[in-house]
Every structure is written in C-alpha cells, then in structure tokens.
N, C-alpha and C. Protein backbone atom coordinates (compact mmCIF):
# COMPACT_ATOMS: atom_id res chain seq x y z
N MET A 1 -19.60 1.07 -21.61
CA MET A 1 -19.45 2.22 -20.75
C MET A 1 -19.81 1.80 -19.32
N ALA A 2 -18.99 2.20 -18.38
CA ALA A 2 -19.20 1.88 -16.97
C ALA A 2 -20.26 2.80 -16.36
N THR A 3 -20.87 2.32 -15.29
CA THR A 3 -21.87 3.10 -14.57
C THR A 3 -21.17 4.17 -13.73
N PRO A 4 -21.61 5.42 -13.78
CA PRO A 4 -20.97 6.47 -12.98
C PRO A 4 -21.43 6.44 -11.52
N TYR A 5 -20.60 7.02 -10.67
CA TYR A 5 -20.93 7.22 -9.26
C TYR A 5 -20.35 8.56 -8.82
N GLN A 6 -20.77 9.04 -7.66
CA GLN A 6 -20.35 10.37 -7.17
C GLN A 6 -19.02 10.29 -6.42
N LEU A 7 -18.11 11.20 -6.74
CA LEU A 7 -16.83 11.29 -6.07
C LEU A 7 -16.63 12.71 -5.55
N THR A 8 -16.14 12.81 -4.32
CA THR A 8 -15.76 14.09 -3.74
C THR A 8 -14.32 13.96 -3.26
N ILE A 9 -13.48 14.93 -3.64
CA ILE A 9 -12.09 14.98 -3.17
C ILE A 9 -11.94 16.24 -2.33
N LEU A 10 -11.56 16.06 -1.07
CA LEU A 10 -11.45 17.16 -0.12
C LEU A 10 -10.08 17.20 0.54
N THR A 11 -9.65 18.41 0.89
CA THR A 11 -8.50 18.62 1.77
C THR A 11 -9.02 19.42 2.96
N PRO A 12 -8.22 19.60 4.00
CA PRO A 12 -8.68 20.45 5.11
C PRO A 12 -8.98 21.89 4.69
N GLU A 13 -8.38 22.35 3.59
CA GLU A 13 -8.55 23.74 3.15
C GLU A 13 -9.64 23.95 2.12
N ARG A 14 -9.95 22.91 1.30
CA ARG A 14 -10.86 23.17 0.18
C ARG A 14 -11.44 21.89 -0.40
N ALA A 15 -12.50 22.08 -1.18
CA ALA A 15 -13.05 21.00 -1.99
C ALA A 15 -12.31 21.04 -3.33
N VAL A 16 -11.68 19.95 -3.71
CA VAL A 16 -10.86 19.88 -4.92
C VAL A 16 -11.70 19.45 -6.11
N PHE A 17 -12.59 18.49 -5.90
CA PHE A 17 -13.40 17.96 -7.00
C PHE A 17 -14.70 17.40 -6.43
N GLU A 18 -15.78 17.57 -7.20
CA GLU A 18 -17.04 16.92 -6.86
C GLU A 18 -17.78 16.66 -8.16
N GLY A 19 -18.09 15.41 -8.43
CA GLY A 19 -18.79 15.08 -9.66
C GLY A 19 -18.88 13.59 -9.89
N ALA A 20 -19.45 13.25 -11.05
CA ALA A 20 -19.63 11.85 -11.42
C ALA A 20 -18.37 11.32 -12.11
N VAL A 21 -17.98 10.11 -11.75
CA VAL A 21 -16.84 9.43 -12.36
C VAL A 21 -17.22 7.99 -12.63
N GLU A 22 -16.44 7.34 -13.50
CA GLU A 22 -16.66 5.92 -13.79
C GLU A 22 -15.68 5.02 -13.06
N TYR A 23 -14.49 5.54 -12.76
CA TYR A 23 -13.45 4.71 -12.16
C TYR A 23 -12.49 5.59 -11.38
N LEU A 24 -12.00 5.05 -10.28
CA LEU A 24 -10.99 5.74 -9.48
C LEU A 24 -9.91 4.73 -9.12
N GLU A 25 -8.66 5.15 -9.21
CA GLU A 25 -7.53 4.34 -8.75
C GLU A 25 -6.81 5.17 -7.71
N ALA A 26 -6.62 4.60 -6.52
CA ALA A 26 -6.07 5.35 -5.39
C ALA A 26 -4.92 4.59 -4.74
N PRO A 27 -3.98 5.34 -4.14
CA PRO A 27 -2.84 4.70 -3.47
C PRO A 27 -3.16 4.33 -2.02
N GLY A 28 -3.56 3.11 -1.79
CA GLY A 28 -3.81 2.64 -0.42
C GLY A 28 -2.49 2.33 0.28
N THR A 29 -2.54 2.18 1.56
CA THR A 29 -1.33 1.87 2.32
C THR A 29 -0.81 0.47 2.02
N GLU A 30 -1.65 -0.40 1.46
CA GLU A 30 -1.24 -1.76 1.09
C GLU A 30 -1.06 -1.91 -0.42
N GLY A 31 -1.10 -0.79 -1.15
CA GLY A 31 -0.98 -0.81 -2.61
C GLY A 31 -2.15 -0.11 -3.26
N TYR A 32 -2.05 0.07 -4.56
CA TYR A 32 -3.11 0.76 -5.29
C TYR A 32 -4.36 -0.11 -5.37
N PHE A 33 -5.54 0.54 -5.37
CA PHE A 33 -6.81 -0.17 -5.51
C PHE A 33 -7.70 0.62 -6.45
N GLY A 34 -8.64 -0.08 -7.08
CA GLY A 34 -9.57 0.55 -8.01
C GLY A 34 -10.99 0.44 -7.50
N VAL A 35 -11.81 1.42 -7.90
CA VAL A 35 -13.20 1.46 -7.47
C VAL A 35 -14.09 1.76 -8.68
N LEU A 36 -15.08 0.90 -8.89
CA LEU A 36 -16.13 1.11 -9.88
C LEU A 36 -17.44 1.33 -9.14
N ALA A 37 -18.50 1.66 -9.86
CA ALA A 37 -19.83 1.81 -9.26
C ALA A 37 -20.24 0.51 -8.58
N ASN A 38 -21.07 0.61 -7.56
CA ASN A 38 -21.59 -0.52 -6.81
C ASN A 38 -20.52 -1.28 -6.03
N HIS A 39 -19.41 -0.61 -5.73
CA HIS A 39 -18.34 -1.22 -4.93
C HIS A 39 -18.86 -1.45 -3.52
N ALA A 40 -18.40 -2.50 -2.88
CA ALA A 40 -18.76 -2.77 -1.49
C ALA A 40 -18.27 -1.62 -0.61
N GLY A 41 -19.00 -1.35 0.46
CA GLY A 41 -18.58 -0.30 1.38
C GLY A 41 -17.18 -0.55 1.91
N MET A 42 -16.40 0.53 2.02
CA MET A 42 -15.00 0.38 2.44
C MET A 42 -14.49 1.71 2.99
N VAL A 43 -13.66 1.63 4.02
CA VAL A 43 -12.92 2.78 4.53
C VAL A 43 -11.48 2.31 4.66
N THR A 44 -10.54 3.11 4.14
CA THR A 44 -9.14 2.73 4.20
C THR A 44 -8.25 3.97 4.23
N ALA A 45 -7.04 3.79 4.72
CA ALA A 45 -6.05 4.87 4.73
C ALA A 45 -5.41 4.99 3.34
N LEU A 46 -5.03 6.21 2.99
CA LEU A 46 -4.31 6.45 1.74
C LEU A 46 -2.84 6.71 2.02
N ALA A 47 -2.01 6.28 1.10
CA ALA A 47 -0.58 6.58 1.12
C ALA A 47 -0.34 7.74 0.14
N SER A 48 0.87 8.23 0.11
CA SER A 48 1.23 9.23 -0.88
C SER A 48 1.31 8.57 -2.25
N GLY A 49 0.79 9.24 -3.27
CA GLY A 49 0.84 8.69 -4.62
C GLY A 49 -0.12 9.40 -5.54
N THR A 50 -0.41 8.76 -6.66
CA THR A 50 -1.25 9.34 -7.70
C THR A 50 -2.67 8.82 -7.59
N LEU A 51 -3.60 9.74 -7.58
CA LEU A 51 -5.04 9.45 -7.60
C LEU A 51 -5.49 9.65 -9.04
N LYS A 52 -5.96 8.57 -9.68
CA LYS A 52 -6.39 8.65 -11.09
C LYS A 52 -7.90 8.50 -11.15
N VAL A 53 -8.56 9.40 -11.90
CA VAL A 53 -10.01 9.40 -12.04
C VAL A 53 -10.35 9.37 -13.52
N ARG A 54 -11.26 8.45 -13.90
CA ARG A 54 -11.74 8.38 -15.28
C ARG A 54 -13.20 8.82 -15.33
N HIS A 55 -13.48 9.75 -16.23
CA HIS A 55 -14.82 10.29 -16.41
C HIS A 55 -15.52 9.55 -17.55
N ALA A 56 -16.83 9.78 -17.69
CA ALA A 56 -17.57 9.24 -18.83
C ALA A 56 -16.91 9.75 -20.11
N GLY A 57 -16.77 8.88 -21.08
CA GLY A 57 -16.11 9.26 -22.33
C GLY A 57 -14.63 8.95 -22.33
N GLY A 58 -14.07 8.58 -21.17
CA GLY A 58 -12.68 8.15 -21.12
C GLY A 58 -11.66 9.19 -20.69
N ALA A 59 -12.05 10.46 -20.54
CA ALA A 59 -11.09 11.48 -20.10
C ALA A 59 -10.61 11.15 -18.69
N GLU A 60 -9.32 11.38 -18.44
CA GLU A 60 -8.74 11.09 -17.12
C GLU A 60 -8.12 12.32 -16.50
N ASP A 61 -8.25 12.41 -15.17
CA ASP A 61 -7.57 13.43 -14.38
C ASP A 61 -6.68 12.71 -13.38
N ARG A 62 -5.57 13.36 -13.03
CA ARG A 62 -4.64 12.79 -12.05
C ARG A 62 -4.28 13.86 -11.03
N TRP A 63 -4.27 13.46 -9.77
CA TRP A 63 -3.86 14.31 -8.67
C TRP A 63 -2.81 13.58 -7.87
N GLN A 64 -1.92 14.32 -7.26
CA GLN A 64 -0.96 13.76 -6.30
C GLN A 64 -1.54 13.98 -4.91
N VAL A 65 -1.66 12.92 -4.12
CA VAL A 65 -2.16 13.03 -2.76
C VAL A 65 -1.04 12.63 -1.80
N SER A 66 -1.07 13.22 -0.61
CA SER A 66 -0.03 12.90 0.37
C SER A 66 -0.65 12.30 1.62
N GLY A 67 -1.38 11.22 1.43
CA GLY A 67 -2.00 10.53 2.56
C GLY A 67 -3.39 11.04 2.83
N GLY A 68 -4.07 10.36 3.73
CA GLY A 68 -5.43 10.71 4.10
C GLY A 68 -6.27 9.46 4.22
N PHE A 69 -7.57 9.59 3.89
CA PHE A 69 -8.50 8.47 3.99
C PHE A 69 -9.41 8.43 2.78
N PHE A 70 -9.96 7.23 2.52
CA PHE A 70 -10.89 7.01 1.42
C PHE A 70 -12.08 6.25 1.97
N GLU A 71 -13.28 6.64 1.53
CA GLU A 71 -14.50 5.94 1.93
C GLU A 71 -15.40 5.80 0.71
N VAL A 72 -16.04 4.64 0.58
CA VAL A 72 -17.06 4.44 -0.46
C VAL A 72 -18.21 3.67 0.16
N SER A 73 -19.43 4.11 -0.18
CA SER A 73 -20.65 3.46 0.29
C SER A 73 -21.82 3.99 -0.54
N ASN A 74 -22.70 3.10 -0.97
CA ASN A 74 -23.90 3.49 -1.71
C ASN A 74 -23.61 4.39 -2.92
N ASN A 75 -22.60 4.03 -3.70
CA ASN A 75 -22.22 4.77 -4.91
C ASN A 75 -21.82 6.22 -4.65
N LYS A 76 -21.29 6.48 -3.46
CA LYS A 76 -20.71 7.78 -3.13
C LYS A 76 -19.34 7.53 -2.52
N ALA A 77 -18.31 8.12 -3.13
CA ALA A 77 -16.95 7.94 -2.65
C ALA A 77 -16.39 9.29 -2.22
N THR A 78 -15.57 9.26 -1.17
CA THR A 78 -14.95 10.48 -0.67
C THR A 78 -13.48 10.23 -0.41
N VAL A 79 -12.65 11.14 -0.93
CA VAL A 79 -11.23 11.16 -0.63
C VAL A 79 -11.00 12.33 0.32
N LEU A 80 -10.50 12.04 1.50
CA LEU A 80 -10.13 13.07 2.48
C LEU A 80 -8.61 13.07 2.54
N ALA A 81 -7.99 13.93 1.75
CA ALA A 81 -6.54 13.92 1.59
C ALA A 81 -5.87 15.00 2.43
N ASP A 82 -4.68 14.69 2.94
CA ASP A 82 -3.90 15.69 3.67
C ASP A 82 -3.58 16.88 2.77
N SER A 83 -3.16 16.58 1.53
CA SER A 83 -2.94 17.62 0.52
C SER A 83 -3.12 17.01 -0.86
N VAL A 84 -3.48 17.85 -1.83
CA VAL A 84 -3.73 17.42 -3.20
C VAL A 84 -3.11 18.45 -4.14
N THR A 85 -2.38 17.96 -5.14
CA THR A 85 -1.86 18.84 -6.20
C THR A 85 -2.18 18.20 -7.54
N GLY A 86 -2.17 19.01 -8.58
CA GLY A 86 -2.44 18.50 -9.92
C GLY A 86 -3.90 18.61 -10.27
N GLY A 87 -4.36 17.73 -11.14
CA GLY A 87 -5.76 17.73 -11.57
C GLY A 87 -5.95 18.53 -12.83
N PRO A 88 -7.19 18.70 -13.26
CA PRO A 88 -7.47 19.35 -14.54
C PRO A 88 -7.05 20.81 -14.62
N ALA A 89 -7.01 21.52 -13.50
CA ALA A 89 -6.67 22.94 -13.53
C ALA A 89 -5.18 23.18 -13.35
N ALA A 90 -4.41 22.11 -13.15
CA ALA A 90 -2.96 22.28 -12.90
C ALA A 90 -2.20 22.53 -14.17
C-alpha cells in the first residue's frame, strides 16, 4: 500500500475535491506525469486531458480538466484547473 498525501482540486468557481490520495496522474503540457507521496516539489502547467486519482484501497476517480496548473510540495498537491468535469459524483 502506498503512502497517502493531501490533494485539493480547485476551479475558479468551486472546490471539486479535497482529501487523501495515494497516486495522481495528470496531463502536463509535456505529457502525462504521476505523483506519489514524498514527490519533489514541482509546479507545472496542465493540458486538457484526464486527471486520474487513486485512493487507499485502490478505488479510482477520473476528472476531465481543461488546462490550469499543478503544484506539489511537502506531501500537499493542488490542481488549479480552468474547468473540471466528471469525478465520483458525475
């Protein structure tokens, strides 16, 4: 089992998700990248694509993002997306 870390997914209009996750796969402008706990600090632009999140126990959620930014530091990651659709409530 992977170590969890905190993830927040935000748009200009609302908070989409906030909680502990084990893994995130995001669409960067240079291609998809993955993030586990204890990842080195990073800030990067996001492209349009699928944001995949894996929770403890293996459950996965997927959102469609249309650009924005991603930041991770000290086991806290933030997705600042232009828009987000999908996810567990979709």
